[in-house]
Amino acid sequence: MIKSIKKQSTQLLIGYTISGLGDQFYTFAIPLLMLTRSHSSITMGLLTAMEYLPTALFGIIIGSIFDIFSRKNIMLYSLLMQSILILIIPLITVYKFPIWLILITIFLLVHLI
């Protein structure tokens, strides 16, 4: 029983560590990417708006919907989608897609956090 609890605690700690590293990447690298790409304060303002807009638009509705489903499944699907979206951002940058596509990706990414 105690070994099972230690194993679960270790897995949880590893999961939080990986998630925290991803969040720090998001917090630091994406604004830096947008600034080097656009050199525009308007774009940085739009980036900030995209970070807070999903919570303002969907916070109350999504909260009540998530109460219906399993929290574990929601967390797993959310982390999977976050990782896919974070991997898409460098591809968007390398292939010189428009900045609005990065902003939409940020909107979706923040909505999953």
N, C-alpha and C. Protein backbone atom coordinates (compact mmCIF):
# COMPACT_ATOMS: atom_id res chain seq x y z
N MET A 1 0.82 -1.19 0.00
CA MET A 1 0.00 0.00 0.00
C MET A 1 0.87 1.26 0.00
N ILE A 2 1.89 1.28 0.86
CA ILE A 2 2.75 2.46 0.93
C ILE A 2 3.57 2.60 -0.34
N LYS A 3 4.01 1.49 -0.94
CA LYS A 3 4.76 1.57 -2.20
C LYS A 3 3.89 2.14 -3.31
N SER A 4 2.62 1.77 -3.31
CA SER A 4 1.69 2.28 -4.31
C SER A 4 1.50 3.79 -4.16
N ILE A 5 1.39 4.24 -2.93
CA ILE A 5 1.23 5.68 -2.69
C ILE A 5 2.48 6.43 -3.10
N LYS A 6 3.66 5.88 -2.78
CA LYS A 6 4.92 6.53 -3.17
C LYS A 6 5.06 6.58 -4.69
N LYS A 7 4.67 5.50 -5.36
CA LYS A 7 4.75 5.47 -6.82
C LYS A 7 3.81 6.51 -7.43
N GLN A 8 2.59 6.60 -6.91
CA GLN A 8 1.64 7.58 -7.42
C GLN A 8 2.11 9.00 -7.15
N SER A 9 2.69 9.20 -5.97
CA SER A 9 3.20 10.54 -5.63
C SER A 9 4.35 10.92 -6.54
N THR A 10 5.22 9.97 -6.84
CA THR A 10 6.35 10.24 -7.74
C THR A 10 5.85 10.57 -9.14
N GLN A 11 4.89 9.80 -9.62
CA GLN A 11 4.32 10.06 -10.95
C GLN A 11 3.64 11.43 -11.00
N LEU A 12 2.93 11.77 -9.95
CA LEU A 12 2.27 13.07 -9.89
C LEU A 12 3.30 14.21 -9.89
N LEU A 13 4.37 14.04 -9.13
CA LEU A 13 5.42 15.06 -9.08
C LEU A 13 6.09 15.22 -10.44
N ILE A 14 6.35 14.11 -11.11
CA ILE A 14 6.96 14.18 -12.45
C ILE A 14 6.01 14.87 -13.42
N GLY A 15 4.74 14.55 -13.34
CA GLY A 15 3.76 15.20 -14.21
C GLY A 15 3.67 16.70 -13.98
N TYR A 16 3.65 17.11 -12.72
CA TYR A 16 3.62 18.54 -12.41
C TYR A 16 4.89 19.24 -12.86
N THR A 17 6.03 18.56 -12.75
CA THR A 17 7.29 19.15 -13.18
C THR A 17 7.29 19.39 -14.69
N ILE A 18 6.87 18.40 -15.44
CA ILE A 18 6.81 18.55 -16.90
C ILE A 18 5.82 19.64 -17.29
N SER A 19 4.69 19.67 -16.63
CA SER A 19 3.69 20.70 -16.91
C SER A 19 4.22 22.09 -16.56
N GLY A 20 4.92 22.20 -15.43
CA GLY A 20 5.49 23.48 -15.03
C GLY A 20 6.54 23.97 -16.01
N LEU A 21 7.37 23.07 -16.52
CA LEU A 21 8.36 23.46 -17.52
C LEU A 21 7.69 23.96 -18.79
N GLY A 22 6.62 23.29 -19.19
CA GLY A 22 5.88 23.74 -20.37
C GLY A 22 5.26 25.11 -20.16
N ASP A 23 4.73 25.34 -18.97
CA ASP A 23 4.14 26.65 -18.66
C ASP A 23 5.19 27.75 -18.67
N GLN A 24 6.38 27.45 -18.17
CA GLN A 24 7.44 28.45 -18.18
C GLN A 24 7.91 28.75 -19.60
N PHE A 25 7.94 27.72 -20.44
CA PHE A 25 8.26 27.94 -21.85
C PHE A 25 7.24 28.89 -22.47
N TYR A 26 6.00 28.62 -22.20
CA TYR A 26 4.93 29.44 -22.74
C TYR A 26 5.05 30.88 -22.24
N THR A 27 5.30 31.04 -20.94
CA THR A 27 5.35 32.36 -20.34
C THR A 27 6.50 33.20 -20.88
N PHE A 28 7.63 32.59 -21.16
CA PHE A 28 8.82 33.34 -21.56
C PHE A 28 9.01 33.38 -23.08
N ALA A 29 8.93 32.23 -23.72
CA ALA A 29 9.35 32.14 -25.11
C ALA A 29 8.36 32.73 -26.11
N ILE A 30 7.09 32.54 -25.88
CA ILE A 30 6.12 33.01 -26.87
C ILE A 30 6.06 34.53 -26.96
N PRO A 31 6.03 35.28 -25.85
CA PRO A 31 6.10 36.74 -26.01
C PRO A 31 7.41 37.20 -26.68
N LEU A 32 8.51 36.52 -26.37
CA LEU A 32 9.78 36.86 -27.01
C LEU A 32 9.72 36.57 -28.51
N LEU A 33 9.12 35.47 -28.87
CA LEU A 33 8.94 35.13 -30.28
C LEU A 33 8.11 36.17 -31.00
N MET A 34 7.01 36.58 -30.39
CA MET A 34 6.14 37.57 -31.02
C MET A 34 6.84 38.92 -31.16
N LEU A 35 7.62 39.29 -30.17
CA LEU A 35 8.32 40.57 -30.23
C LEU A 35 9.38 40.56 -31.33
N THR A 36 10.13 39.47 -31.45
CA THR A 36 11.16 39.41 -32.50
C THR A 36 10.54 39.30 -33.88
N ARG A 37 9.37 38.71 -33.97
CA ARG A 37 8.72 38.55 -35.26
C ARG A 37 8.06 39.84 -35.74
N SER A 38 7.43 40.57 -34.83
CA SER A 38 6.61 41.70 -35.27
C SER A 38 7.22 43.07 -34.96
N HIS A 39 7.99 43.18 -33.90
CA HIS A 39 8.52 44.47 -33.44
C HIS A 39 7.40 45.49 -33.26
N SER A 40 6.25 45.03 -32.78
CA SER A 40 5.09 45.89 -32.67
C SER A 40 4.47 45.78 -31.28
N SER A 41 4.19 46.94 -30.69
CA SER A 41 3.52 46.94 -29.39
C SER A 41 2.06 46.53 -29.52
N ILE A 42 1.47 46.79 -30.68
CA ILE A 42 0.07 46.39 -30.91
C ILE A 42 -0.04 44.86 -30.89
N THR A 43 0.91 44.19 -31.52
CA THR A 43 0.90 42.73 -31.53
C THR A 43 1.09 42.17 -30.13
N MET A 44 1.95 42.81 -29.34
CA MET A 44 2.15 42.36 -27.96
C MET A 44 0.88 42.58 -27.14
N GLY A 45 0.16 43.66 -27.42
CA GLY A 45 -1.13 43.89 -26.75
C GLY A 45 -2.15 42.85 -27.14
N LEU A 46 -2.18 42.48 -28.43
CA LEU A 46 -3.08 41.42 -28.87
C LEU A 46 -2.72 40.08 -28.23
N LEU A 47 -1.44 39.83 -28.07
CA LEU A 47 -1.00 38.60 -27.41
C LEU A 47 -1.51 38.55 -25.97
N THR A 48 -1.40 39.67 -25.27
CA THR A 48 -1.90 39.73 -23.90
C THR A 48 -3.41 39.54 -23.87
N ALA A 49 -4.10 40.13 -24.83
CA ALA A 49 -5.56 39.95 -24.91
C ALA A 49 -5.91 38.49 -25.16
N MET A 50 -5.16 37.83 -26.01
CA MET A 50 -5.41 36.42 -26.30
C MET A 50 -5.16 35.54 -25.08
N GLU A 51 -4.33 36.00 -24.17
CA GLU A 51 -4.07 35.23 -22.96
C GLU A 51 -5.23 35.30 -21.97
N TYR A 52 -5.96 36.41 -21.94
CA TYR A 52 -7.04 36.59 -20.97
C TYR A 52 -8.44 36.44 -21.55
N LEU A 53 -8.58 36.54 -22.84
CA LEU A 53 -9.88 36.47 -23.48
C LEU A 53 -10.61 35.14 -23.28
N PRO A 54 -9.96 33.98 -23.38
CA PRO A 54 -10.69 32.73 -23.17
C PRO A 54 -11.33 32.61 -21.80
N THR A 55 -10.64 33.06 -20.77
CA THR A 55 -11.21 33.01 -19.43
C THR A 55 -12.43 33.91 -19.32
N ALA A 56 -12.34 35.09 -19.90
CA ALA A 56 -13.46 36.02 -19.85
C ALA A 56 -14.67 35.50 -20.63
N LEU A 57 -14.42 34.85 -21.76
CA LEU A 57 -15.52 34.39 -22.61
C LEU A 57 -16.13 33.08 -22.14
N PHE A 58 -15.29 32.14 -21.74
CA PHE A 58 -15.77 30.78 -21.51
C PHE A 58 -15.64 30.27 -20.09
N GLY A 59 -15.10 31.06 -19.18
CA GLY A 59 -14.81 30.59 -17.83
C GLY A 59 -15.99 30.00 -17.10
N ILE A 60 -17.09 30.70 -17.05
CA ILE A 60 -18.25 30.24 -16.30
C ILE A 60 -18.90 29.03 -16.97
N ILE A 61 -19.01 29.05 -18.27
CA ILE A 61 -19.65 27.96 -18.99
C ILE A 61 -18.83 26.68 -18.91
N ILE A 62 -17.54 26.78 -19.17
CA ILE A 62 -16.68 25.60 -19.17
C ILE A 62 -16.59 25.00 -17.77
N GLY A 63 -16.57 25.83 -16.75
CA GLY A 63 -16.49 25.32 -15.38
C GLY A 63 -17.65 24.40 -15.04
N SER A 64 -18.85 24.79 -15.43
CA SER A 64 -20.00 23.94 -15.13
C SER A 64 -20.04 22.69 -15.99
N ILE A 65 -19.54 22.77 -17.22
CA ILE A 65 -19.51 21.60 -18.09
C ILE A 65 -18.48 20.59 -17.58
N PHE A 66 -17.33 21.09 -17.10
CA PHE A 66 -16.28 20.19 -16.63
C PHE A 66 -16.67 19.45 -15.36
N ASP A 67 -17.64 19.95 -14.63
CA ASP A 67 -18.09 19.24 -13.44
C ASP A 67 -18.77 17.92 -13.78
N ILE A 68 -19.24 17.80 -15.00
CA ILE A 68 -19.93 16.59 -15.43
C ILE A 68 -18.95 15.45 -15.73
N PHE A 69 -17.79 15.78 -16.28
CA PHE A 69 -16.85 14.78 -16.77
C PHE A 69 -15.77 14.46 -15.74
N SER A 70 -15.04 13.39 -15.99
CA SER A 70 -13.95 12.96 -15.12
C SER A 70 -12.80 13.97 -15.17
N ARG A 71 -12.34 14.38 -14.02
CA ARG A 71 -11.24 15.37 -13.97
C ARG A 71 -9.95 14.79 -14.54
N LYS A 72 -9.73 13.51 -14.31
CA LYS A 72 -8.52 12.87 -14.81
C LYS A 72 -8.51 12.89 -16.34
N ASN A 73 -9.63 12.53 -16.97
CA ASN A 73 -9.70 12.54 -18.43
C ASN A 73 -9.57 13.94 -18.99
N ILE A 74 -10.19 14.90 -18.35
CA ILE A 74 -10.08 16.29 -18.80
C ILE A 74 -8.63 16.74 -18.73
N MET A 75 -7.94 16.42 -17.65
CA MET A 75 -6.54 16.83 -17.50
C MET A 75 -5.66 16.17 -18.57
N LEU A 76 -5.88 14.88 -18.82
CA LEU A 76 -5.07 14.18 -19.82
C LEU A 76 -5.29 14.74 -21.22
N TYR A 77 -6.55 14.96 -21.61
CA TYR A 77 -6.83 15.52 -22.93
C TYR A 77 -6.31 16.95 -23.05
N SER A 78 -6.44 17.70 -21.98
CA SER A 78 -5.96 19.07 -21.99
C SER A 78 -4.44 19.13 -22.16
N LEU A 79 -3.71 18.29 -21.44
CA LEU A 79 -2.26 18.26 -21.57
C LEU A 79 -1.83 17.78 -22.95
N LEU A 80 -2.55 16.83 -23.51
CA LEU A 80 -2.24 16.35 -24.85
C LEU A 80 -2.43 17.47 -25.88
N MET A 81 -3.54 18.19 -25.79
CA MET A 81 -3.79 19.29 -26.72
C MET A 81 -2.79 20.43 -26.52
N GLN A 82 -2.42 20.71 -25.27
CA GLN A 82 -1.42 21.74 -25.01
C GLN A 82 -0.10 21.39 -25.67
N SER A 83 0.32 20.14 -25.53
CA SER A 83 1.60 19.75 -26.12
C SER A 83 1.56 19.84 -27.64
N ILE A 84 0.44 19.47 -28.24
CA ILE A 84 0.32 19.57 -29.69
C ILE A 84 0.38 21.04 -30.14
N LEU A 85 -0.34 21.91 -29.44
CA LEU A 85 -0.34 23.33 -29.81
C LEU A 85 1.03 23.97 -29.60
N ILE A 86 1.72 23.59 -28.53
CA ILE A 86 3.05 24.15 -28.30
C ILE A 86 4.02 23.68 -29.37
N LEU A 87 3.86 22.46 -29.87
CA LEU A 87 4.71 21.99 -30.95
C LEU A 87 4.36 22.64 -32.28
N ILE A 88 3.14 23.10 -32.44
CA ILE A 88 2.74 23.77 -33.68
C ILE A 88 3.37 25.17 -33.79
N ILE A 89 3.55 25.84 -32.67
CA ILE A 89 4.05 27.22 -32.69
C ILE A 89 5.42 27.34 -33.37
N PRO A 90 6.41 26.49 -33.06
CA PRO A 90 7.68 26.61 -33.81
C PRO A 90 7.52 26.34 -35.31
N LEU A 91 6.63 25.44 -35.68
CA LEU A 91 6.40 25.18 -37.10
C LEU A 91 5.81 26.40 -37.79
N ILE A 92 4.89 27.07 -37.11
CA ILE A 92 4.30 28.30 -37.65
C ILE A 92 5.39 29.36 -37.84
N THR A 93 6.32 29.41 -36.91
CA THR A 93 7.38 30.41 -36.98
C THR A 93 8.39 30.09 -38.07
N VAL A 94 8.80 28.85 -38.17
CA VAL A 94 9.81 28.47 -39.15
C VAL A 94 9.31 28.68 -40.57
N TYR A 95 8.05 28.35 -40.82
CA TYR A 95 7.52 28.48 -42.17
C TYR A 95 6.88 29.83 -42.45
N LYS A 96 7.11 30.81 -41.57
CA LYS A 96 6.71 32.21 -41.78
C LYS A 96 5.21 32.38 -42.04
N PHE A 97 4.41 31.67 -41.26
CA PHE A 97 2.96 31.87 -41.33
C PHE A 97 2.62 33.24 -40.75
N PRO A 98 1.44 33.78 -41.05
CA PRO A 98 1.08 35.09 -40.52
C PRO A 98 0.97 35.09 -38.98
N ILE A 99 1.17 36.25 -38.41
CA ILE A 99 1.16 36.40 -36.96
C ILE A 99 -0.22 36.09 -36.39
N TRP A 100 -1.28 36.38 -37.13
CA TRP A 100 -2.62 36.10 -36.60
C TRP A 100 -2.83 34.62 -36.34
N LEU A 101 -2.13 33.76 -37.09
CA LEU A 101 -2.24 32.32 -36.84
C LEU A 101 -1.60 31.95 -35.51
N ILE A 102 -0.51 32.62 -35.16
CA ILE A 102 0.11 32.40 -33.85
C ILE A 102 -0.84 32.88 -32.75
N LEU A 103 -1.49 34.01 -32.97
CA LEU A 103 -2.42 34.53 -31.96
C LEU A 103 -3.60 33.59 -31.74
N ILE A 104 -4.10 33.00 -32.80
CA ILE A 104 -5.20 32.04 -32.65
C ILE A 104 -4.72 30.80 -31.90
N THR A 105 -3.51 30.36 -32.20
CA THR A 105 -2.94 29.21 -31.49
C THR A 105 -2.78 29.52 -30.02
N ILE A 106 -2.36 30.74 -29.69
CA ILE A 106 -2.23 31.15 -28.30
C ILE A 106 -3.60 31.17 -27.63
N PHE A 107 -4.60 31.65 -28.33
CA PHE A 107 -5.96 31.66 -27.78
C PHE A 107 -6.40 30.24 -27.41
N LEU A 108 -6.19 29.30 -28.32
CA LEU A 108 -6.56 27.91 -28.07
C LEU A 108 -5.73 27.31 -26.94
N LEU A 109 -4.45 27.65 -26.92
CA LEU A 109 -3.56 27.10 -25.89
C LEU A 109 -3.94 27.59 -24.51
N VAL A 110 -4.22 28.86 -24.37
CA VAL A 110 -4.60 29.41 -23.07
C VAL A 110 -5.94 28.87 -22.64
N HIS A 111 -6.81 28.61 -23.58
CA HIS A 111 -8.12 28.08 -23.25
C HIS A 111 -8.00 26.68 -22.64
N LEU A 112 -6.96 25.95 -22.98
CA LEU A 112 -6.75 24.60 -22.45
C LEU A 112 -6.03 24.58 -21.12
N ILE A 113 -5.42 25.66 -20.75
CA ILE A 113 -4.64 25.66 -19.51
C ILE A 113 -5.55 25.73 -18.31
